[in-house]
């Protein structure tokens, strides 16, 4: 064989073409920002100082309750619980969901047609989009939005339509209830192509608990325009200060057009378990079952069993009340630190996030920011500076906005208080050093 033939065969000749991008990827990855370097990558612990306290990412640094962990261990030691479950979810978990939610929804839920267990709330939401979106259908989402909504919508041919929550303009501490919806703006966002609206309450990252009056107005718009409502209620068990968590599915006429999303990970401090559920009428659940069966087939069996035990025993043990009190303490530790700094922030009615107004944070003109935060909202630089110089990480809120509305989000950083008390106290102590950088 000649040298020329050998080089051609092995692809090592000097005239060989660049083969690193042979197969073009789908345009949907660009439309959903999936290829952009996201905040989770930029503010990953690997990129920050080793001793930086992570209040950015919304996972706990403590374990699930012992009795839930014990249930997981028992399930792992079984036989049937280590094999495939029905795509609908294990019957024990569906029964537990029925018993937990039927009183709250005011109806006797059918475990065969009105409950679907999913591989985390996120996969459940994705499956709803697969089941119901046609190419060009529009999905309304309130900003700031949970960042997974965007690619989940665009990957399935949907077009996101953004309606911002408007923050209060006065100085000092304010409640998340003061982030308001302009309902004229919401009505203008509805077009003949609108198919769905996402309502996240308690809200990530604002912490807003939507009022009954707000939900009634959203419900009226959904009814008028025949919209499917996705009620993302994964923070349902973390509502503070006697605020009322109203389920939009319970409002007149809304059961038939609403899918309610829940999460064992948020409820039992087990975000890595990836166990969630959907509740709704058969007309929504059964098409979504067809989608999820082809996406993941079923959710992991042993942790479904453990989640079932969690729901079965949570109320008897007074767990949800105890957990709410513990999160209230954690929230108060962090807000007391912000009060001491004299900084403006949003006190959340629910969830486990606080938005801190970082518009007054200043840094040297020649500060060496990495390329990853250049050209983004001002909050990207502020969060990087705080992480590197103060030693506490947070997440820039403009990531949860469309480009047009970035100026709203770039005034804020999101701090998570789903951490143990000692960690939060150490973070507050460090954050006091931020005072020297305030204008």
Protein backbone atom coordinates (compact mmCIF):
# COMPACT_ATOMS: atom_id res chain seq x y z
CA UNK A 1 0.00 0.00 0.00
CA UNK A 2 1.36 3.41 -0.94
CA UNK A 3 2.07 6.10 1.65
CA UNK A 4 -0.63 8.31 0.12
CA UNK A 5 -3.23 5.54 0.49
CA UNK A 6 -2.12 4.84 4.08
CA UNK A 7 -2.47 8.51 5.04
CA UNK A 8 -5.92 8.70 3.48
CA UNK A 9 -7.05 5.52 5.22
CA UNK A 10 -5.79 6.52 8.66
CA UNK A 11 -6.87 10.15 8.36
CA UNK A 12 -3.40 11.37 9.36
CA UNK A 13 -2.29 13.01 6.14
CA UNK A 14 -1.40 16.69 6.03
CA UNK A 15 -4.44 17.34 3.80
CA UNK A 16 -7.02 15.66 6.08
CA UNK A 17 -10.06 17.79 6.96
CA UNK A 18 -11.10 18.96 10.42
CA UNK A 19 -13.39 16.20 11.66
CA UNK A 20 -14.33 17.76 15.02
CA UNK A 21 -17.70 19.07 13.80
CA UNK A 22 -18.79 16.46 11.29
CA UNK A 23 -22.43 16.15 12.39
CA UNK A 24 -24.40 19.39 12.91
CA UNK A 25 -26.43 19.53 16.12
CA UNK A 26 -30.04 20.60 16.33
CA UNK A 27 -30.92 24.29 16.31
CA UNK A 28 -33.17 23.71 19.31
CA UNK A 29 -30.07 23.67 21.52
CA UNK A 30 -29.41 27.30 20.61
CA UNK A 31 -33.03 28.37 20.97
CA UNK A 32 -33.20 26.96 24.49
CA UNK A 33 -29.87 28.47 25.64
CA UNK A 34 -28.73 24.91 26.22
CA UNK A 35 -25.29 25.53 24.71
CA UNK A 36 -24.62 28.74 26.62
CA UNK A 37 -22.45 28.44 29.71
CA UNK A 38 -25.03 28.59 32.46
CA UNK A 39 -24.77 29.96 35.98
CA UNK A 40 -24.42 26.50 37.49
CA UNK A 41 -21.23 25.96 35.49
CA UNK A 42 -19.80 29.44 36.09
CA UNK A 43 -20.43 29.42 39.84
CA UNK A 44 -19.57 25.76 40.29
CA UNK A 45 -17.49 25.02 43.38
CA UNK A 46 -14.66 23.95 41.09
CA UNK A 47 -14.32 27.54 39.85
CA UNK A 48 -14.50 29.21 43.26
CA UNK A 49 -12.15 29.31 46.26
CA UNK A 50 -12.03 26.00 48.10
CA UNK A 51 -13.41 27.52 51.30
CA UNK A 52 -16.22 29.47 49.59
CA UNK A 53 -19.58 28.91 51.30
CA UNK A 54 -22.12 27.79 48.71
CA UNK A 55 -25.40 29.66 49.10
CA UNK A 56 -25.91 29.66 45.34
CA UNK A 57 -27.24 26.26 44.39
CA UNK A 58 -30.55 25.20 45.88
CA UNK A 59 -29.62 21.87 47.41
CA UNK A 60 -29.34 21.07 51.08
CA UNK A 61 -26.12 20.34 52.98
CA UNK A 62 -28.00 18.06 55.35
CA UNK A 63 -29.58 14.64 54.91
CA UNK A 64 -33.23 13.58 54.66
CA UNK A 65 -34.90 12.61 57.97
CA UNK A 66 -33.70 9.33 59.47
CA UNK A 67 -37.04 7.55 59.07
CA UNK A 68 -37.12 8.38 55.35
CA UNK A 69 -33.52 7.21 54.89
CA UNK A 70 -34.37 4.00 56.76
CA UNK A 71 -37.25 3.39 54.37
CA UNK A 72 -34.86 3.80 51.43
CA UNK A 73 -32.46 1.29 52.98
CA UNK A 74 -35.27 -1.22 53.51
CA UNK A 75 -36.37 -0.82 49.90
CA UNK A 76 -32.82 -1.37 48.65
CA UNK A 77 -32.68 -4.61 50.65
CA UNK A 78 -35.85 -5.90 48.99
CA UNK A 79 -36.28 -7.69 45.67
CA UNK A 80 -39.29 -6.28 43.84
CA UNK A 81 -38.35 -2.75 44.91
CA UNK A 82 -35.09 -3.02 42.94
CA UNK A 83 -36.78 -3.75 39.62
CA UNK A 84 -38.96 -1.92 37.13
CA UNK A 85 -41.97 -0.07 38.43
CA UNK A 86 -45.11 0.64 36.44
CA UNK A 87 -44.63 3.80 34.33
CA UNK A 88 -47.45 5.39 36.35
CA UNK A 89 -45.38 4.96 39.49
CA UNK A 90 -45.39 2.40 42.27
CA UNK A 91 -48.87 1.84 43.63
CA UNK A 92 -47.80 2.50 47.22
CA UNK A 93 -46.51 5.95 46.28
CA UNK A 94 -49.58 6.76 44.20
CA UNK A 95 -51.79 5.76 47.13
CA UNK A 96 -49.70 7.95 49.45
CA UNK A 97 -50.03 10.89 47.05
CA UNK A 98 -53.80 10.29 46.87
CA UNK A 99 -54.16 10.28 50.66
CA UNK A 100 -51.94 13.35 51.12
CA UNK A 101 -53.43 15.53 48.39
CA UNK A 102 -57.10 14.50 48.11
CA UNK A 103 -58.15 16.59 51.13
CA UNK A 104 -56.13 19.58 49.90
CA UNK A 105 -57.60 19.40 46.41
CA UNK A 106 -61.11 18.69 47.65
CA UNK A 107 -61.60 15.56 45.58
CA UNK A 108 -61.04 11.80 45.77
CA UNK A 109 -58.08 11.31 43.46
CA UNK A 110 -57.95 8.27 41.16
CA UNK A 111 -54.55 6.58 41.47
CA UNK A 112 -54.92 5.04 38.00
CA UNK A 113 -55.72 8.12 35.93
CA UNK A 114 -55.09 11.29 37.96
CA UNK A 115 -51.64 10.72 39.50
CA UNK A 116 -48.33 10.17 37.68
CA UNK A 117 -44.95 9.61 39.35
CA UNK A 118 -42.04 11.13 37.42
CA UNK A 119 -38.24 11.20 37.56
CA UNK A 120 -38.17 14.46 39.43
CA UNK A 121 -40.56 17.36 38.96
CA UNK A 122 -38.47 18.59 36.03
CA UNK A 123 -38.96 15.42 33.98
CA UNK A 124 -42.67 15.54 34.76
CA UNK A 125 -42.90 19.07 33.42
CA UNK A 126 -40.89 18.12 30.35
CA UNK A 127 -43.28 15.24 29.66
CA UNK A 128 -46.26 17.61 29.81
CA UNK A 129 -44.60 19.79 27.17
CA UNK A 130 -43.96 16.71 25.01
CA UNK A 131 -47.57 15.63 25.35
CA UNK A 132 -49.25 18.97 24.63
CA UNK A 133 -47.08 21.37 22.63
CA UNK A 134 -47.35 21.67 18.87
CA UNK A 135 -44.69 23.54 16.91
CA UNK A 136 -45.27 27.27 17.36
CA UNK A 137 -47.46 27.00 20.46
CA UNK A 138 -46.75 29.77 22.96
CA UNK A 139 -46.11 29.24 26.67
CA UNK A 140 -46.40 32.16 29.10
CA UNK A 141 -43.94 32.18 32.00
CA UNK A 142 -43.51 34.76 34.73
CA UNK A 143 -40.04 36.26 35.11
CA UNK A 144 -37.80 35.51 36.84
CA UNK A 145 -38.41 31.90 35.81
CA UNK A 146 -36.92 28.54 36.77
CA UNK A 147 -34.25 28.17 34.10
CA UNK A 148 -35.28 24.66 33.01
CA UNK A 149 -38.61 25.95 31.70
CA UNK A 150 -36.98 27.64 28.72
CA UNK A 151 -35.21 24.66 27.07
CA UNK A 152 -38.06 22.33 28.01
CA UNK A 153 -40.44 24.54 26.05
CA UNK A 154 -38.20 25.21 23.05
CA UNK A 155 -37.01 21.60 22.73
CA UNK A 156 -40.65 20.69 22.14
CA UNK A 157 -41.33 23.35 19.52
CA UNK A 158 -42.86 25.87 21.91
CA UNK A 159 -42.24 29.61 21.98
CA UNK A 160 -41.69 31.20 25.39
CA UNK A 161 -43.57 34.42 26.14
CA UNK A 162 -42.27 36.39 29.11
CA UNK A 163 -44.31 38.40 31.60
CA UNK A 164 -42.17 39.94 34.37
CA UNK A 165 -43.07 40.19 38.01
CA UNK A 166 -42.46 43.82 38.92
CA UNK A 167 -40.31 44.46 42.03
CA UNK A 168 -41.15 47.26 44.47
CA UNK A 169 -39.21 50.47 44.05
CA UNK A 170 -38.99 51.65 47.66
CA UNK A 171 -35.80 51.32 49.72
CA UNK A 172 -35.19 48.84 52.49
CA UNK A 173 -36.56 45.39 53.14
CA UNK A 174 -39.71 44.36 51.34
CA UNK A 175 -41.91 41.29 51.11
CA UNK A 176 -42.00 38.98 48.11
CA UNK A 177 -45.73 39.80 47.98
CA UNK A 178 -44.70 43.22 46.67
CA UNK A 179 -43.46 41.67 43.42
CA UNK A 180 -46.61 42.23 41.38
CA UNK A 181 -48.24 41.09 38.16
CA UNK A 182 -49.45 43.69 35.67
CA UNK A 183 -52.60 41.90 34.52
CA UNK A 184 -53.04 44.20 31.52
CA UNK A 185 -49.55 43.14 30.49
CA UNK A 186 -50.48 39.48 31.04
CA UNK A 187 -53.60 39.82 28.90
CA UNK A 188 -51.59 41.45 26.10
CA UNK A 189 -49.23 38.46 26.17
CA UNK A 190 -52.03 36.08 25.20
CA UNK A 191 -52.39 35.42 21.46
CA UNK A 192 -54.30 32.85 19.38
CA UNK A 193 -51.15 30.65 19.60
CA UNK A 194 -51.00 30.65 23.41
CA UNK A 195 -51.37 27.07 24.69
CA UNK A 196 -50.14 27.13 28.26
CA UNK A 197 -49.23 29.29 31.26
CA UNK A 198 -46.81 28.28 34.01
CA UNK A 199 -47.64 29.39 37.54
CA UNK A 200 -44.84 28.75 40.05
CA UNK A 201 -46.03 29.28 43.62
CA UNK A 202 -44.25 29.48 46.01
CA UNK A 203 -41.99 31.12 43.47
CA UNK A 204 -38.34 30.39 42.69
CA UNK A 205 -36.40 32.68 43.03
CA UNK A 206 -38.61 35.52 44.35
CA UNK A 207 -40.27 33.54 47.16
CA UNK A 208 -43.65 35.02 46.26
CA UNK A 209 -46.77 33.09 47.31
CA UNK A 210 -49.45 34.03 44.80
CA UNK A 211 -52.61 35.31 46.45
CA UNK A 212 -56.06 33.87 45.86
CA UNK A 213 -57.04 37.07 44.05
CA UNK A 214 -54.01 36.86 41.73
CA UNK A 215 -54.73 33.21 40.97
CA UNK A 216 -58.39 33.95 40.32
CA UNK A 217 -57.39 36.54 37.71
CA UNK A 218 -54.96 34.08 36.08
CA UNK A 219 -57.68 31.43 36.16
CA UNK A 220 -60.14 33.77 34.43
CA UNK A 221 -57.63 34.39 31.62
CA UNK A 222 -56.95 30.65 31.29
CA UNK A 223 -60.67 29.92 31.11
CA UNK A 224 -61.33 32.69 28.60
CA UNK A 225 -58.57 31.54 26.25
CA UNK A 226 -58.71 27.77 26.94
CA UNK A 227 -55.16 27.52 28.33
CA UNK A 228 -53.51 24.60 30.05
CA UNK A 229 -52.12 25.68 33.44
CA UNK A 230 -48.95 24.11 34.81
CA UNK A 231 -48.97 24.73 38.57
CA UNK A 232 -45.38 24.25 39.69
CA UNK A 233 -45.86 23.86 43.45
CA UNK A 234 -42.67 22.04 44.43
CA UNK A 235 -42.09 24.44 47.37
CA UNK A 236 -45.62 23.88 48.70
CA UNK A 237 -44.40 22.67 52.12
CA UNK A 238 -42.26 25.79 52.67
CA UNK A 239 -44.74 28.62 53.18
CA UNK A 240 -43.97 30.97 56.08
CA UNK A 241 -45.64 33.47 58.40
CA UNK A 242 -49.17 32.06 58.09
CA UNK A 243 -49.34 32.87 54.39
CA UNK A 244 -51.91 30.76 52.54
CA UNK A 245 -50.80 28.44 49.76
CA UNK A 246 -53.74 28.40 47.36
CA UNK A 247 -53.80 25.62 44.78
CA UNK A 248 -55.05 27.04 41.49
CA UNK A 249 -56.50 23.61 40.64
CA UNK A 250 -59.08 24.12 43.42
CA UNK A 251 -60.54 27.30 41.92
CA UNK A 252 -63.87 27.02 40.06
CA UNK A 253 -63.43 25.40 36.65
CA UNK A 254 -59.66 24.95 37.00
CA UNK A 255 -59.30 21.24 37.81
CA UNK A 256 -60.02 20.29 34.20
CA UNK A 257 -57.19 22.44 32.79
CA UNK A 258 -54.52 22.26 35.52
CA UNK A 259 -51.62 19.90 36.16
CA UNK A 260 -50.09 20.29 39.63
CA UNK A 261 -46.39 19.47 40.05
CA UNK A 262 -44.90 18.15 43.31
CA UNK A 263 -41.48 17.01 44.51
CA UNK A 264 -40.22 14.54 47.11
CA UNK A 265 -36.79 16.13 46.79
CA UNK A 266 -37.99 19.50 48.06
CA UNK A 267 -40.34 18.04 50.65
CA UNK A 268 -37.87 15.60 52.23
CA UNK A 269 -34.46 17.23 51.59
CA UNK A 270 -33.60 14.61 48.96
CA UNK A 271 -33.06 16.56 45.75
CA UNK A 272 -30.81 13.85 44.27
CA UNK A 273 -33.50 11.19 44.51
CA UNK A 274 -35.29 12.64 41.46
CA UNK A 275 -38.80 11.61 42.51
CA UNK A 276 -41.66 13.92 41.60
CA UNK A 277 -45.31 13.67 40.69
CA UNK A 278 -48.07 15.20 38.61
CA UNK A 279 -51.71 15.48 39.67
CA UNK A 280 -54.50 16.39 37.30
CA UNK A 281 -57.48 15.17 35.27
CA UNK A 282 -57.13 12.03 33.15
CA UNK A 283 -57.26 14.22 30.04
CA UNK A 284 -53.87 15.66 31.04
CA UNK A 285 -52.29 12.78 32.96
CA UNK A 286 -52.85 9.98 30.43
CA UNK A 287 -51.25 11.78 27.42
CA UNK A 288 -48.37 12.77 29.72
CA UNK A 289 -48.03 9.12 30.80
CA UNK A 290 -47.60 8.20 27.13
CA UNK A 291 -44.78 10.74 26.89
CA UNK A 292 -42.94 9.86 30.10
CA UNK A 293 -43.12 6.14 29.31
CA UNK A 294 -41.10 6.81 26.13
CA UNK A 295 -38.68 9.20 27.85
CA UNK A 296 -37.66 7.34 31.04
CA UNK A 297 -40.13 4.40 31.12
CA UNK A 298 -40.23 4.47 34.91
CA UNK A 299 -38.78 6.22 37.95
CA UNK A 300 -36.33 4.45 40.28
CA UNK A 301 -38.21 1.98 42.42
CA UNK A 302 -36.54 1.96 45.88
CA UNK A 303 -36.68 5.72 46.29
CA UNK A 304 -40.34 5.73 45.25
CA UNK A 305 -40.97 3.41 48.19
CA UNK A 306 -39.05 5.70 50.53
CA UNK A 307 -40.97 8.72 49.24
CA UNK A 308 -44.21 6.86 49.89
CA UNK A 309 -43.18 6.30 53.50
CA UNK A 310 -42.33 9.99 53.75
CA UNK A 311 -45.82 11.03 52.63
CA UNK A 312 -47.50 8.35 54.76
CA UNK A 313 -45.80 9.52 57.95
CA UNK A 314 -45.12 13.24 57.41
CA UNK A 315 -48.33 14.52 58.96
CA UNK A 316 -48.40 11.95 61.77
CA UNK A 317 -44.89 12.92 62.81
CA UNK A 318 -45.56 16.65 62.52
CA UNK A 319 -42.62 16.72 60.12
CA UNK A 320 -43.84 19.44 57.78
CA UNK A 321 -44.56 21.86 60.63
CA UNK A 322 -41.18 21.14 62.22
CA UNK A 323 -39.39 21.57 58.91
CA UNK A 324 -41.19 24.86 58.26
CA UNK A 325 -40.08 26.17 61.66
CA UNK A 326 -36.48 25.14 60.96
CA UNK A 327 -36.51 26.90 57.58
CA UNK A 328 -38.00 30.00 59.18
CA UNK A 329 -35.04 30.06 61.58
CA UNK A 330 -32.62 29.67 58.67
CA UNK A 331 -34.30 32.46 56.74
CA UNK A 332 -34.18 34.76 59.73
CA UNK A 333 -30.44 34.18 60.26
CA UNK A 334 -29.71 35.32 56.72
CA UNK A 335 -32.10 38.28 56.72
CA UNK A 336 -30.69 39.48 60.06
CA UNK A 337 -27.27 39.56 58.40
CA UNK A 338 -28.61 41.62 55.50
CA UNK A 339 -30.34 43.96 57.96
CA UNK A 340 -27.03 44.49 59.75
CA UNK A 341 -25.45 45.39 56.41
CA UNK A 342 -28.27 47.83 55.69
CA UNK A 343 -28.91 46.24 52.30
CA UNK A 344 -32.23 46.04 50.48
CA UNK A 345 -33.63 42.54 50.02
CA UNK A 346 -36.83 40.58 49.40
CA UNK A 347 -38.08 38.59 52.39
CA UNK A 348 -39.64 35.41 50.96
CA UNK A 349 -43.10 34.21 51.88
CA UNK A 350 -42.13 30.75 50.66
CA UNK A 351 -39.39 28.57 49.09
CA UNK A 352 -35.80 28.79 50.41
CA UNK A 353 -34.35 31.73 48.49
CA UNK A 354 -33.71 35.38 49.32
CA UNK A 355 -33.07 38.04 46.68
CA UNK A 356 -30.46 40.59 47.77
CA UNK A 357 -30.26 43.90 45.94
CA UNK A 358 -26.60 44.08 44.90
CA UNK A 359 -26.91 47.21 42.75
CA UNK A 360 -24.86 49.15 45.32
CA UNK A 361 -21.89 46.76 45.36
CA UNK A 362 -18.78 48.38 43.85
CA UNK A 363 -15.48 46.84 42.76
CA UNK A 364 -12.23 48.19 41.28
CA UNK A 365 -12.39 49.12 37.61
CA UNK A 366 -9.49 46.79 36.87
CA UNK A 367 -10.84 43.79 38.80
CA UNK A 368 -9.82 40.57 36.95
CA UNK A 369 -13.19 39.08 36.01
CA UNK A 370 -13.15 35.84 33.99
CA UNK A 371 -14.37 35.78 30.40
CA UNK A 372 -17.44 33.76 31.46
CA UNK A 373 -19.06 36.76 33.18
CA UNK A 374 -18.15 39.36 30.57
CA UNK A 375 -21.04 40.65 28.49
CA UNK A 376 -23.66 39.34 30.94
CA UNK A 377 -25.81 41.28 33.40
CA UNK A 378 -24.03 43.36 36.04
CA UNK A 379 -25.16 40.81 38.63
CA UNK A 380 -22.83 38.19 37.10
CA UNK A 381 -19.85 40.34 38.05
CA UNK A 382 -21.29 41.19 41.46
CA UNK A 383 -21.84 37.53 42.33
CA UNK A 384 -18.35 36.60 41.13
CA UNK A 385 -16.80 39.44 43.14
CA UNK A 386 -18.71 38.48 46.31
CA UNK A 387 -17.72 34.83 45.93
CA UNK A 388 -14.03 35.59 45.38
CA UNK A 389 -13.57 38.45 47.87
CA UNK A 390 -16.15 37.65 50.56
CA UNK A 391 -16.18 33.87 50.26
CA UNK A 392 -19.94 33.34 49.84
CA UNK A 393 -21.42 32.25 46.51
CA UNK A 394 -24.81 33.25 45.12
CA UNK A 395 -26.58 33.15 41.77
CA UNK A 396 -27.16 36.16 39.45
CA UNK A 397 -30.89 36.59 38.90
CA UNK A 398 -30.67 37.98 35.36
CA UNK A 399 -30.07 34.36 34.27
CA UNK A 400 -33.79 33.86 34.88
CA UNK A 401 -34.90 36.59 32.47
CA UNK A 402 -35.06 37.04 28.71
CA UNK A 403 -32.48 39.44 27.27
CA UNK A 404 -35.03 42.24 26.96
CA UNK A 405 -35.79 42.13 30.69
CA UNK A 406 -32.24 41.60 31.94
CA UNK A 407 -32.16 45.11 33.51
CA UNK A 408 -34.83 43.99 36.00
CA UNK A 409 -32.90 40.94 37.15
CA UNK A 410 -29.37 42.32 37.22
CA UNK A 411 -30.04 44.21 40.45
CA UNK A 412 -30.36 40.98 42.41
CA UNK A 413 -28.41 37.96 43.63
CA UNK A 414 -30.17 34.81 44.85
CA UNK A 415 -29.02 33.35 48.16
CA UNK A 416 -30.27 29.90 49.22
CA UNK A 417 -30.92 29.21 52.91
CA UNK A 418 -31.44 25.45 52.55
CA UNK A 419 -28.27 24.98 54.61
CA UNK A 420 -27.59 24.09 58.22
CA UNK A 421 -27.62 26.84 60.85
CA UNK A 422 -23.86 26.82 61.43
CA UNK A 423 -23.16 27.29 57.72
CA UNK A 424 -25.59 30.20 57.51
CA UNK A 425 -24.07 31.87 60.57
CA UNK A 426 -20.58 31.58 59.07
CA UNK A 427 -21.88 33.02 55.78
CA UNK A 428 -23.49 35.97 57.58
CA UNK A 429 -20.24 36.67 59.41
CA UNK A 430 -18.33 36.75 56.14
CA UNK A 431 -20.95 38.86 54.38
CA UNK A 432 -20.40 41.69 56.86
CA UNK A 433 -17.14 42.37 55.01
CA UNK A 434 -19.27 43.42 52.05
CA UNK A 435 -19.96 46.74 53.81
CA UNK A 436 -16.62 48.14 52.63
CA UNK A 437 -17.70 47.63 49.00
CA UNK A 438 -21.10 49.35 49.24
CA UNK A 439 -21.58 52.70 47.57
